Amino acid sequence: MATSKLQAFWNHPAGPRTIHFWAPTFKWGLSIANVADFSKPPETLSYPMQLVVACSGLIWGRYGTVITPKLESCEC
């Protein structure tokens, strides 16, 4: 039973073999790493990391305002 669920997950059109799985996974990873920086003193913050988070937010924000859903179920 577990094997069939794992195989279904692996072969899913938005599963781990596609960008649709990994892009949000890495974005969440960046966000979690950024939240971990809240407790650090300002002198030890990673400026390249902050730049990556800001650029990623700008890119996804722009993408979110430009995309046009193709499925009626996605049009809220």
PDB file of N, CA and C in Angstrom:
ATOM      1  N   MET A   1       0.828  -1.195   0.000  1.00  0.00           N
ATOM      2  CA  MET A   1       0.000   0.000   0.000  1.00  0.00           C
ATOM      3  C   MET A   1       0.869   1.256   0.000  1.00  0.00           C
ATOM      4  N   ALA A   2       1.883   1.293   0.860  1.00  0.00           N
ATOM      5  CA  ALA A   2       2.751   2.469   0.913  1.00  0.00           C
ATOM      6  C   ALA A   2       3.519   2.638  -0.391  1.00  0.00           C
ATOM      7  N   THR A   3       3.875   1.509  -1.016  1.00  0.00           N
ATOM      8  CA  THR A   3       4.605   1.574  -2.272  1.00  0.00           C
ATOM      9  C   THR A   3       3.751   2.201  -3.368  1.00  0.00           C
ATOM     10  N   SER A   4       2.475   1.859  -3.419  1.00  0.00           N
ATOM     11  CA  SER A   4       1.610   2.422  -4.456  1.00  0.00           C
ATOM     12  C   SER A   4       1.395   3.924  -4.239  1.00  0.00           C
ATOM     13  N   LYS A   5       1.289   4.352  -2.984  1.00  0.00           N
ATOM     14  CA  LYS A   5       1.144   5.786  -2.710  1.00  0.00           C
ATOM     15  C   LYS A   5       2.416   6.542  -3.061  1.00  0.00           C
ATOM     16  N   LEU A   6       3.553   5.953  -2.744  1.00  0.00           N
ATOM     17  CA  LEU A   6       4.823   6.579  -3.076  1.00  0.00           C
ATOM     18  C   LEU A   6       5.008   6.647  -4.587  1.00  0.00           C
ATOM     19  N   GLN A   7       4.631   5.587  -5.276  1.00  0.00           N
ATOM     20  CA  GLN A   7       4.743   5.571  -6.737  1.00  0.00           C
ATOM     21  C   GLN A   7       3.782   6.587  -7.358  1.00  0.00           C
ATOM     22  N   ALA A   8       2.578   6.705  -6.815  1.00  0.00           N
ATOM     23  CA  ALA A   8       1.626   7.697  -7.318  1.00  0.00           C
ATOM     24  C   ALA A   8       2.155   9.112  -7.101  1.00  0.00           C
ATOM     25  N   PHE A   9       2.754   9.355  -5.944  1.00  0.00           N
ATOM     26  CA  PHE A   9       3.347  10.663  -5.657  1.00  0.00           C
ATOM     27  C   PHE A   9       4.497  10.947  -6.624  1.00  0.00           C
ATOM     28  N   TRP A  10       5.346   9.960  -6.846  1.00  0.00           N
ATOM     29  CA  TRP A  10       6.507  10.124  -7.718  1.00  0.00           C
ATOM     30  C   TRP A  10       6.088  10.399  -9.165  1.00  0.00           C
ATOM     31  N   ASN A  11       5.021   9.753  -9.625  1.00  0.00           N
ATOM     32  CA  ASN A  11       4.577   9.896 -11.011  1.00  0.00           C
ATOM     33  C   ASN A  11       3.520  10.974 -11.220  1.00  0.00           C
ATOM     34  N   HIS A  12       3.176  11.704 -10.181  1.00  0.00           N
ATOM     35  CA  HIS A  12       2.160  12.760 -10.290  1.00  0.00           C
ATOM     36  C   HIS A  12       2.654  13.870 -11.219  1.00  0.00           C
ATOM     37  N   PRO A  13       1.757  14.503 -12.008  1.00  0.00           N
ATOM     38  CA  PRO A  13       2.179  15.580 -12.928  1.00  0.00           C
ATOM     39  C   PRO A  13       2.843  16.767 -12.222  1.00  0.00           C
ATOM     40  N   ALA A  14       2.555  16.976 -10.959  1.00  0.00           N
ATOM     41  CA  ALA A  14       3.202  18.056 -10.204  1.00  0.00           C
ATOM     42  C   ALA A  14       4.076  17.470  -9.096  1.00  0.00           C
ATOM     43  N   GLY A  15       4.584  16.274  -9.308  1.00  0.00           N
ATOM     44  CA  GLY A  15       5.386  15.580  -8.308  1.00  0.00           C
ATOM     45  C   GLY A  15       6.835  16.030  -8.292  1.00  0.00           C
ATOM     46  N   PRO A  16       7.680  15.290  -7.580  1.00  0.00           N
ATOM     47  CA  PRO A  16       9.073  15.710  -7.374  1.00  0.00           C
ATOM     48  C   PRO A  16       9.956  15.634  -8.617  1.00  0.00           C
ATOM     49  N   ARG A  17       9.437  15.146  -9.722  1.00  0.00           N
ATOM     50  CA  ARG A  17      10.229  15.119 -10.949  1.00  0.00           C
ATOM     51  C   ARG A  17       9.995  16.359 -11.800  1.00  0.00           C
ATOM     52  N   THR A  18       9.277  17.352 -11.269  1.00  0.00           N
ATOM     53  CA  THR A  18       8.971  18.559 -12.032  1.00  0.00           C
ATOM     54  C   THR A  18       9.367  19.807 -11.252  1.00  0.00           C
ATOM     55  N   ILE A  19       9.428  20.917 -11.946  1.00  0.00           N
ATOM     56  CA  ILE A  19       9.740  22.202 -11.316  1.00  0.00           C
ATOM     57  C   ILE A  19       8.584  22.665 -10.429  1.00  0.00           C
ATOM     58  N   HIS A  20       7.378  22.180 -10.720  1.00  0.00           N
ATOM     59  CA  HIS A  20       6.211  22.587  -9.951  1.00  0.00           C
ATOM     60  C   HIS A  20       6.308  22.141  -8.496  1.00  0.00           C
ATOM     61  N   PHE A  21       7.106  21.150  -8.225  1.00  0.00           N
ATOM     62  CA  PHE A  21       7.327  20.677  -6.860  1.00  0.00           C
ATOM     63  C   PHE A  21       8.506  21.399  -6.219  1.00  0.00           C
ATOM     64  N   TRP A  22       9.619  21.501  -6.927  1.00  0.00           N
ATOM     65  CA  TRP A  22      10.852  22.000  -6.327  1.00  0.00           C
ATOM     66  C   TRP A  22      10.901  23.513  -6.149  1.00  0.00           C
ATOM     67  N   ALA A  23      10.307  24.275  -7.046  1.00  0.00           N
ATOM     68  CA  ALA A  23      10.344  25.736  -6.912  1.00  0.00           C
ATOM     69  C   ALA A  23       9.695  26.194  -5.606  1.00  0.00           C
ATOM     70  N   PRO A  24       8.466  25.764  -5.282  1.00  0.00           N
ATOM     71  CA  PRO A  24       7.891  26.169  -3.999  1.00  0.00           C
ATOM     72  C   PRO A  24       8.645  25.591  -2.799  1.00  0.00           C
ATOM     73  N   THR A  25       9.202  24.400  -2.970  1.00  0.00           N
ATOM     74  CA  THR A  25       9.964  23.790  -1.874  1.00  0.00           C
ATOM     75  C   THR A  25      11.166  24.658  -1.514  1.00  0.00           C
ATOM     76  N   PHE A  26      11.909  25.097  -2.517  1.00  0.00           N
ATOM     77  CA  PHE A  26      13.068  25.944  -2.252  1.00  0.00           C
ATOM     78  C   PHE A  26      12.652  27.333  -1.772  1.00  0.00           C
ATOM     79  N   LYS A  27      11.546  27.851  -2.275  1.00  0.00           N
ATOM     80  CA  LYS A  27      11.065  29.150  -1.805  1.00  0.00           C
ATOM     81  C   LYS A  27      10.718  29.080  -0.319  1.00  0.00           C
ATOM     82  N   TRP A  28      10.044  28.003   0.092  1.00  0.00           N
ATOM     83  CA  TRP A  28       9.741  27.837   1.517  1.00  0.00           C
ATOM     84  C   TRP A  28      11.026  27.676   2.327  1.00  0.00           C
ATOM     85  N   GLY A  29      12.006  26.994   1.757  1.00  0.00           N
ATOM     86  CA  GLY A  29      13.295  26.856   2.448  1.00  0.00           C
ATOM     87  C   GLY A  29      13.958  28.198   2.678  1.00  0.00           C
ATOM     88  N   LEU A  30      13.923  29.069   1.665  1.00  0.00           N
ATOM     89  CA  LEU A  30      14.473  30.420   1.822  1.00  0.00           C
ATOM     90  C   LEU A  30      13.719  31.211   2.888  1.00  0.00           C
ATOM     91  N   SER A  31      12.399  31.083   2.889  1.00  0.00           N
ATOM     92  CA  SER A  31      11.592  31.817   3.868  1.00  0.00           C
ATOM     93  C   SER A  31      11.869  31.340   5.289  1.00  0.00           C
ATOM     94  N   ILE A  32      12.000  30.037   5.477  1.00  0.00           N
ATOM     95  CA  ILE A  32      12.289  29.493   6.814  1.00  0.00           C
ATOM     96  C   ILE A  32      13.674  29.920   7.269  1.00  0.00           C
ATOM     97  N   ALA A  33      14.647  29.909   6.362  1.00  0.00           N
ATOM     98  CA  ALA A  33      15.992  30.366   6.720  1.00  0.00           C
ATOM     99  C   ALA A  33      15.986  31.849   7.076  1.00  0.00           C
ATOM    100  N   ASN A  34      15.156  32.631   6.398  1.00  0.00           N
ATOM    101  CA  ASN A  34      15.067  34.061   6.688  1.00  0.00           C
ATOM    102  C   ASN A  34      14.458  34.285   8.072  1.00  0.00           C
ATOM    103  N   VAL A  35      13.442  33.506   8.425  1.00  0.00           N
ATOM    104  CA  VAL A  35      12.827  33.632   9.754  1.00  0.00           C
ATOM    105  C   VAL A  35      13.843  33.260  10.832  1.00  0.00           C
ATOM    106  N   ALA A  36      14.705  32.307  10.547  1.00  0.00           N
ATOM    107  CA  ALA A  36      15.736  31.925  11.514  1.00  0.00           C
ATOM    108  C   ALA A  36      16.703  33.081  11.778  1.00  0.00           C
ATOM    109  N   ASP A  37      16.842  33.997  10.826  1.00  0.00           N
ATOM    110  CA  ASP A  37      17.729  35.150  11.005  1.00  0.00           C
ATOM    111  C   ASP A  37      17.148  36.217  11.929  1.00  0.00           C
ATOM    112  N   PHE A  38      15.865  36.125  12.289  1.00  0.00           N
ATOM    113  CA  PHE A  38      15.249  37.126  13.161  1.00  0.00           C
ATOM    114  C   PHE A  38      15.949  37.233  14.511  1.00  0.00           C
ATOM    115  N   SER A  39      16.464  36.121  15.011  1.00  0.00           N
ATOM    116  CA  SER A  39      17.071  36.133  16.346  1.00  0.00           C
ATOM    117  C   SER A  39      18.555  36.494  16.317  1.00  0.00           C
ATOM    118  N   LYS A  40      19.134  36.670  15.136  1.00  0.00           N
ATOM    119  CA  LYS A  40      20.553  37.004  15.040  1.00  0.00           C
ATOM    120  C   LYS A  40      20.768  38.508  15.184  1.00  0.00           C
ATOM    121  N   PRO A  41      21.903  38.892  15.690  1.00  0.00           N
ATOM    122  CA  PRO A  41      22.216  40.319  15.716  1.00  0.00           C
ATOM    123  C   PRO A  41      22.433  40.829  14.283  1.00  0.00           C
ATOM    124  N   PRO A  42      22.152  42.094  14.034  1.00  0.00           N
ATOM    125  CA  PRO A  42      22.264  42.632  12.667  1.00  0.00           C
ATOM    126  C   PRO A  42      23.646  42.475  12.039  1.00  0.00           C
ATOM    127  N   GLU A  43      24.688  42.439  12.854  1.00  0.00           N
ATOM    128  CA  GLU A  43      26.047  42.334  12.321  1.00  0.00           C
ATOM    129  C   GLU A  43      26.308  40.987  11.667  1.00  0.00           C
ATOM    130  N   THR A  44      25.559  39.962  12.053  1.00  0.00           N
ATOM    131  CA  THR A  44      25.824  38.622  11.534  1.00  0.00           C
ATOM    132  C   THR A  44      24.833  38.184  10.453  1.00  0.00           C
ATOM    133  N   LEU A  45      23.958  39.087  10.021  1.00  0.00           N
ATOM    134  CA  LEU A  45      23.002  38.723   8.978  1.00  0.00           C
ATOM    135  C   LEU A  45      23.712  38.512   7.644  1.00  0.00           C
ATOM    136  N   SER A  46      23.174  37.628   6.860  1.00  0.00           N
ATOM    137  CA  SER A  46      23.729  37.332   5.548  1.00  0.00           C
ATOM    138  C   SER A  46      23.070  38.248   4.514  1.00  0.00           C
ATOM    139  N   TYR A  47      23.814  39.208   4.027  1.00  0.00           N
ATOM    140  CA  TYR A  47      23.265  40.138   3.042  1.00  0.00           C
ATOM    141  C   TYR A  47      22.947  39.449   1.717  1.00  0.00           C
ATOM    142  N   PRO A  48      23.789  38.503   1.250  1.00  0.00           N
ATOM    143  CA  PRO A  48      23.389  37.783   0.028  1.00  0.00           C
ATOM    144  C   PRO A  48      22.074  37.016   0.217  1.00  0.00           C
ATOM    145  N   MET A  49      21.862  36.453   1.390  1.00  0.00           N
ATOM    146  CA  MET A  49      20.616  35.733   1.655  1.00  0.00           C
ATOM    147  C   MET A  49      19.429  36.697   1.625  1.00  0.00           C
ATOM    148  N   GLN A  50      19.585  37.860   2.222  1.00  0.00           N
ATOM    149  CA  GLN A  50      18.507  38.839   2.219  1.00  0.00           C
ATOM    150  C   GLN A  50      18.213  39.322   0.800  1.00  0.00           C
ATOM    151  N   LEU A  51      19.243  39.460  -0.022  1.00  0.00           N
ATOM    152  CA  LEU A  51      19.065  39.857  -1.411  1.00  0.00           C
ATOM    153  C   LEU A  51      18.313  38.780  -2.194  1.00  0.00           C
ATOM    154  N   VAL A  52      18.654  37.523  -1.952  1.00  0.00           N
ATOM    155  CA  VAL A  52      17.972  36.415  -2.622  1.00  0.00           C
ATOM    156  C   VAL A  52      16.498  36.381  -2.226  1.00  0.00           C
ATOM    157  N   VAL A  53      16.201  36.560  -0.946  1.00  0.00           N
ATOM    158  CA  VAL A  53      14.812  36.554  -0.488  1.00  0.00           C
ATOM    159  C   VAL A  53      14.034  37.718  -1.108  1.00  0.00           C
ATOM    160  N   ALA A  54      14.645  38.888  -1.146  1.00  0.00           N
ATOM    161  CA  ALA A  54      13.974  40.051  -1.736  1.00  0.00           C
ATOM    162  C   ALA A  54      13.730  39.856  -3.236  1.00  0.00           C
ATOM    163  N   CYS A  55      14.735  39.400  -3.960  1.00  0.00           N
ATOM    164  CA  CYS A  55      14.573  39.173  -5.404  1.00  0.00           C
ATOM    165  C   CYS A  55      13.541  38.090  -5.675  1.00  0.00           C
ATOM    166  N   SER A  56      13.580  37.040  -4.883  1.00  0.00           N
ATOM    167  CA  SER A  56      12.605  35.958  -5.051  1.00  0.00           C
ATOM    168  C   SER A  56      11.188  36.468  -4.805  1.00  0.00           C
ATOM    169  N   GLY A  57      11.013  37.277  -3.785  1.00  0.00           N
ATOM    170  CA  GLY A  57       9.703  37.854  -3.508  1.00  0.00           C
ATOM    171  C   GLY A  57       9.229  38.757  -4.626  1.00  0.00           C
ATOM    172  N   LEU A  58      10.141  39.565  -5.183  1.00  0.00           N
ATOM    173  CA  LEU A  58       9.775  40.431  -6.302  1.00  0.00           C
ATOM    174  C   LEU A  58       9.396  39.617  -7.541  1.00  0.00           C
ATOM    175  N   ILE A  59      10.165  38.595  -7.831  1.00  0.00           N
ATOM    176  CA  ILE A  59       9.875  37.762  -9.005  1.00  0.00           C
ATOM    177  C   ILE A  59       8.532  37.066  -8.855  1.00  0.00           C
ATOM    178  N   TRP A  60       8.294  36.434  -7.697  1.00  0.00           N
ATOM    179  CA  TRP A  60       7.027  35.716  -7.504  1.00  0.00           C
ATOM    180  C   TRP A  60       5.860  36.678  -7.377  1.00  0.00           C
ATOM    181  N   GLY A  61       6.090  37.852  -6.831  1.00  0.00           N
ATOM    182  CA  GLY A  61       5.028  38.852  -6.763  1.00  0.00           C
ATOM    183  C   GLY A  61       4.627  39.317  -8.150  1.00  0.00           C
ATOM    184  N   ARG A  62       5.602  39.562  -8.993  1.00  0.00           N
ATOM    185  CA  ARG A  62       5.324  39.960 -10.375  1.00  0.00           C
ATOM    186  C   ARG A  62       4.640  38.824 -11.127  1.00  0.00           C
ATOM    187  N   TYR A  63       5.134  37.623 -10.960  1.00  0.00           N
ATOM    188  CA  TYR A  63       4.542  36.453 -11.621  1.00  0.00           C
ATOM    189  C   TYR A  63       3.089  36.272 -11.182  1.00  0.00           C
ATOM    190  N   GLY A  64       2.833  36.477  -9.908  1.00  0.00           N
ATOM    191  CA  GLY A  64       1.476  36.318  -9.383  1.00  0.00           C
ATOM    192  C   GLY A  64       0.496  37.343  -9.919  1.00  0.00           C
ATOM    193  N   THR A  65       0.983  38.510 -10.318  1.00  0.00           N
ATOM    194  CA  THR A  65       0.080  39.528 -10.866  1.00  0.00           C
ATOM    195  C   THR A  65      -0.100  39.404 -12.374  1.00  0.00           C
ATOM    196  N   VAL A  66       0.767  38.659 -13.037  1.00  0.00           N
ATOM    197  CA  VAL A  66       0.715  38.539 -14.486  1.00  0.00           C
ATOM    198  C   VAL A  66       0.031  37.248 -14.931  1.00  0.00           C
ATOM    199  N   ILE A  67       0.131  36.191 -14.139  1.00  0.00           N
ATOM    200  CA  ILE A  67      -0.376  34.883 -14.549  1.00  0.00           C
ATOM    201  C   ILE A  67      -1.892  34.920 -14.761  1.00  0.00           C
ATOM    202  N   THR A  68      -2.343  34.191 -15.764  1.00  0.00           N
ATOM    203  CA  THR A  68      -3.763  34.059 -16.057  1.00  0.00           C
ATOM    204  C   THR A  68      -4.139  32.587 -15.885  1.00  0.00           C
ATOM    205  N   PRO A  69      -5.014  32.251 -14.940  1.00  0.00           N
ATOM    206  CA  PRO A  69      -5.376  30.847 -14.744  1.00  0.00           C
ATOM    207  C   PRO A  69      -6.045  30.261 -15.988  1.00  0.00           C
ATOM    208  N   LYS A  70      -5.736  29.024 -16.279  1.00  0.00           N
ATOM    209  CA  LYS A  70      -6.314  28.334 -17.434  1.00  0.00           C
ATOM    210  C   LYS A  70      -7.491  27.451 -17.023  1.00  0.00           C
ATOM    211  N   LEU A  71      -7.553  27.049 -15.751  1.00  0.00           N
ATOM    212  CA  LEU A  71      -8.618  26.192 -15.268  1.00  0.00           C
ATOM    213  C   LEU A  71      -9.684  27.040 -14.583  1.00  0.00           C
ATOM    214  N   GLU A  72     -10.929  26.730 -14.844  1.00  0.00           N
ATOM    215  CA  GLU A  72     -11.999  27.491 -14.194  1.00  0.00           C
ATOM    216  C   GLU A  72     -11.985  27.299 -12.689  1.00  0.00           C
ATOM    217  N   SER A  73     -11.534  26.145 -12.228  1.00  0.00           N
ATOM    218  CA  SER A  73     -11.497  25.896 -10.783  1.00  0.00           C
ATOM    219  C   SER A  73     -10.457  26.767 -10.085  1.00  0.00           C
ATOM    220  N   CYS A  74      -9.477  27.297 -10.834  1.00  0.00           N
ATOM    221  CA  CYS A  74      -8.446  28.159 -10.257  1.00  0.00           C
ATOM    222  C   CYS A  74      -8.863  29.625 -10.228  1.00  0.00           C
ATOM    223  N   GLU A  75      -9.911  29.977 -10.920  1.00  0.00           N
ATOM    224  CA  GLU A  75     -10.339  31.367 -10.976  1.00  0.00           C
ATOM    225  C   GLU A  75     -11.262  31.657  -9.799  1.00  0.00           C
ATOM    226  N   CYS A  76     -10.688  32.182  -8.765  1.00  0.00           N
ATOM    227  CA  CYS A  76     -11.462  32.467  -7.552  1.00  0.00           C
ATOM    228  C   CYS A  76     -12.003  33.884  -7.571  1.00  0.00           C
TER     229      CYS A  76
END
